[in-house]
Structures are given as structure tokens and as C-alpha cells.
Amino acid sequence: MQNDPEISRFIRTLRTGHPQEAQQTDALMHDRGFPEDNAGFLWVEALADVTNQLMCAGQSDKIRALFQDIAGIYQDASDPVRDCIDVSYVENLFFDCPAKICKRYWPHLPDSLQRLYLKFHATAPGS
């Protein structure tokens, strides 16, 4: 599943739309000892970690843009891409973020992604 062409397209779309965040994600992948190419779910999980770092740094515009783009892709995505967004991105959002950060950014997470988060975690972050 890591090399699924639809997931590769999804990642290319994110790289194109969010080049700075993609560079940060590549650096994080490198630091973790993983290749950036064909990393699939692992790359998207690292993007969630970068998103968490951006939230803690107060990068609201970048966060909103990522959330909106990923929710838009999720809406019309294939099952493999939806699974990737759910398992690798949404489930890892807000990890190790202080409660006040979680509460600040939770309302910006689109409803479709909030539902995925709640399905896995049962409560909103920072609760």
C-alpha cells in the first residue's frame, strides 16, 4: 500500500500546494532515517508531525490551508487515500500539543476530519 499510485498523487498534490511544509516533512523523514520517495503513509504521518509543530509555532494561515486542502482531497478521494488521510494524518494531529494549542486549532479542522479524529480518539484534543 505504501507505493499506491493514488497515494503518490496525493502526496505530489500536497508537495505542490505546500512546498515549505513538504520540505520540512522531507527533513523530518531524513532525520528519522526514512527515504522521502515512495514513503506513502509514513510521509503523511510526518506531515502531521510538521502540522503539529506549525500549530505550536502559531502558523495559523499555514494550518488552515493544510486542513482545507486535505479535507477537500478527502471528500473525493479513493479508499486508499482516505485511509492514508485518516490513519496517517488525522490520527496523529495534535499529538504532544499543549491543550491551549489544541483548543485554538480544533475549530479550524474541517468537520469531515473532526469526525475521523473523534472516531479514533473519542474526544476532542485538549479535553
Protein backbone atom coordinates (compact mmCIF):
# COMPACT_ATOMS: atom_id res chain seq x y z
CA MET A 1 0.00 0.00 0.00
CA GLN A 2 2.98 2.32 0.57
CA ASN A 3 3.59 2.66 -3.18
CA ASP A 4 -0.05 3.03 -4.22
CA PRO A 5 -0.14 5.39 -7.23
CA GLU A 6 -3.15 7.27 -5.85
CA ILE A 7 -1.33 7.96 -2.58
CA SER A 8 1.71 9.07 -4.57
CA ARG A 9 -0.53 11.53 -6.48
CA PHE A 10 -1.99 12.76 -3.19
CA ILE A 11 1.50 13.43 -1.84
CA ARG A 12 2.54 15.19 -5.06
CA THR A 13 -0.53 17.42 -4.73
CA LEU A 14 0.45 18.31 -1.17
CA ARG A 15 4.06 18.93 -2.22
CA THR A 16 2.90 21.30 -4.96
CA GLY A 17 0.42 23.18 -2.79
CA HIS A 18 2.57 23.32 0.34
CA PRO A 19 6.24 23.35 -0.71
CA GLN A 20 7.63 24.70 2.59
CA GLU A 21 5.74 22.15 4.63
CA ALA A 22 6.86 19.43 2.20
CA GLN A 23 10.50 20.45 2.70
CA GLN A 24 10.03 20.31 6.47
CA THR A 25 8.41 16.89 6.11
CA ASP A 26 11.28 15.63 3.95
CA ALA A 27 13.78 16.86 6.55
CA LEU A 28 11.85 15.10 9.31
CA MET A 29 11.76 11.90 7.25
CA HIS A 30 15.52 12.18 6.74
CA ASP A 31 16.07 12.72 10.48
CA ARG A 32 14.03 9.59 11.17
CA GLY A 33 16.08 7.57 8.68
CA PHE A 34 13.30 7.09 6.13
CA PRO A 35 13.50 7.82 2.41
CA GLU A 36 11.21 10.57 1.17
CA ASP A 37 10.44 8.77 -2.08
CA ASN A 38 7.63 6.24 -2.05
CA ALA A 39 7.18 6.60 1.70
CA GLY A 40 3.40 6.87 1.41
CA PHE A 41 1.74 6.62 4.80
CA LEU A 42 5.00 7.42 6.63
CA TRP A 43 5.43 10.70 4.75
CA VAL A 44 1.85 11.74 5.53
CA GLU A 45 2.38 10.86 9.20
CA ALA A 46 5.49 13.06 9.19
CA LEU A 47 3.38 15.82 7.62
CA ALA A 48 1.01 15.52 10.60
CA ASP A 49 4.01 15.98 12.90
CA VAL A 50 5.05 19.06 10.91
CA THR A 51 1.47 20.33 11.20
CA ASN A 52 1.68 19.89 14.98
CA GLN A 53 4.94 21.87 15.03
CA LEU A 54 3.33 24.62 12.96
CA MET A 55 0.38 24.76 15.37
CA CYS A 56 2.75 25.14 18.32
CA ALA A 57 4.56 27.90 16.41
CA GLY A 58 1.30 29.76 15.79
CA GLN A 59 1.33 29.41 11.98
CA SER A 60 -2.44 29.78 11.63
CA ASP A 61 -2.57 30.56 7.90
CA LYS A 62 -0.49 27.51 7.01
CA ILE A 63 -2.58 25.28 9.27
CA ARG A 64 -5.88 26.46 7.83
CA ALA A 65 -4.61 25.98 4.27
CA LEU A 66 -3.38 22.44 5.00
CA PHE A 67 -6.59 21.49 6.77
CA GLN A 68 -8.76 22.85 3.94
CA ASP A 69 -6.73 21.21 1.19
CA ILE A 70 -6.60 17.83 2.90
CA ALA A 71 -10.33 17.93 3.69
CA GLY A 72 -11.05 18.85 0.06
CA ILE A 73 -8.97 15.95 -1.20
CA TYR A 74 -10.59 13.58 1.31
CA GLN A 75 -14.05 14.45 0.03
CA ASP A 76 -13.48 12.92 -3.42
CA ALA A 77 -10.60 10.56 -2.65
CA SER A 78 -10.26 6.86 -3.32
CA ASP A 79 -10.39 4.45 -0.38
CA PRO A 80 -6.59 4.13 -0.16
CA VAL A 81 -6.15 7.92 0.01
CA ARG A 82 -8.97 8.25 2.53
CA ASP A 83 -7.32 5.56 4.68
CA CYS A 84 -4.00 7.37 4.43
CA ILE A 85 -5.53 10.69 5.48
CA ASP A 86 -7.39 9.03 8.35
CA VAL A 87 -4.64 6.79 9.73
CA SER A 88 -1.50 8.77 8.95
CA TYR A 89 -2.63 12.37 9.15
CA VAL A 90 -5.75 12.85 11.27
CA GLU A 91 -4.97 10.26 13.95
CA ASN A 92 -1.59 11.94 14.55
CA LEU A 93 -2.81 15.53 14.68
CA PHE A 94 -2.48 17.39 17.98
CA PHE A 95 -0.05 14.78 19.36
CA ASP A 96 2.09 16.35 22.10
CA CYS A 97 0.48 19.76 21.56
CA PRO A 98 -0.47 21.66 24.71
CA ALA A 99 -4.20 21.78 25.47
CA LYS A 100 -4.44 25.51 24.70
CA ILE A 101 -2.96 24.91 21.23
CA CYS A 102 -5.37 22.04 20.61
CA LYS A 103 -8.32 24.16 21.63
CA ARG A 104 -7.16 27.02 19.40
CA TYR A 105 -6.84 24.89 16.25
CA TRP A 106 -9.56 22.26 16.70
CA PRO A 107 -12.30 24.60 15.40
CA HIS A 108 -10.26 25.10 12.20
CA LEU A 109 -10.19 21.37 11.43
CA PRO A 110 -12.99 20.76 8.90
CA ASP A 111 -15.95 18.67 10.08
CA SER A 112 -15.06 15.67 7.93
CA LEU A 113 -11.62 15.45 9.54
CA GLN A 114 -13.01 16.14 13.01
CA ARG A 115 -15.30 13.14 12.60
CA LEU A 116 -12.32 10.94 11.73
CA TYR A 117 -10.40 12.24 14.73
CA LEU A 118 -13.30 11.62 17.09
CA LYS A 119 -13.91 8.15 15.67
CA PHE A 120 -10.37 7.21 16.68
CA HIS A 121 -9.76 9.28 19.83
CA ALA A 122 -13.36 9.57 21.12
CA THR A 123 -12.81 13.12 22.45
CA ALA A 124 -11.60 16.40 21.03
CA PRO A 125 -7.93 17.18 21.66
CA GLY A 126 -7.14 19.21 24.75
CA SER A 127 -10.25 17.94 26.55
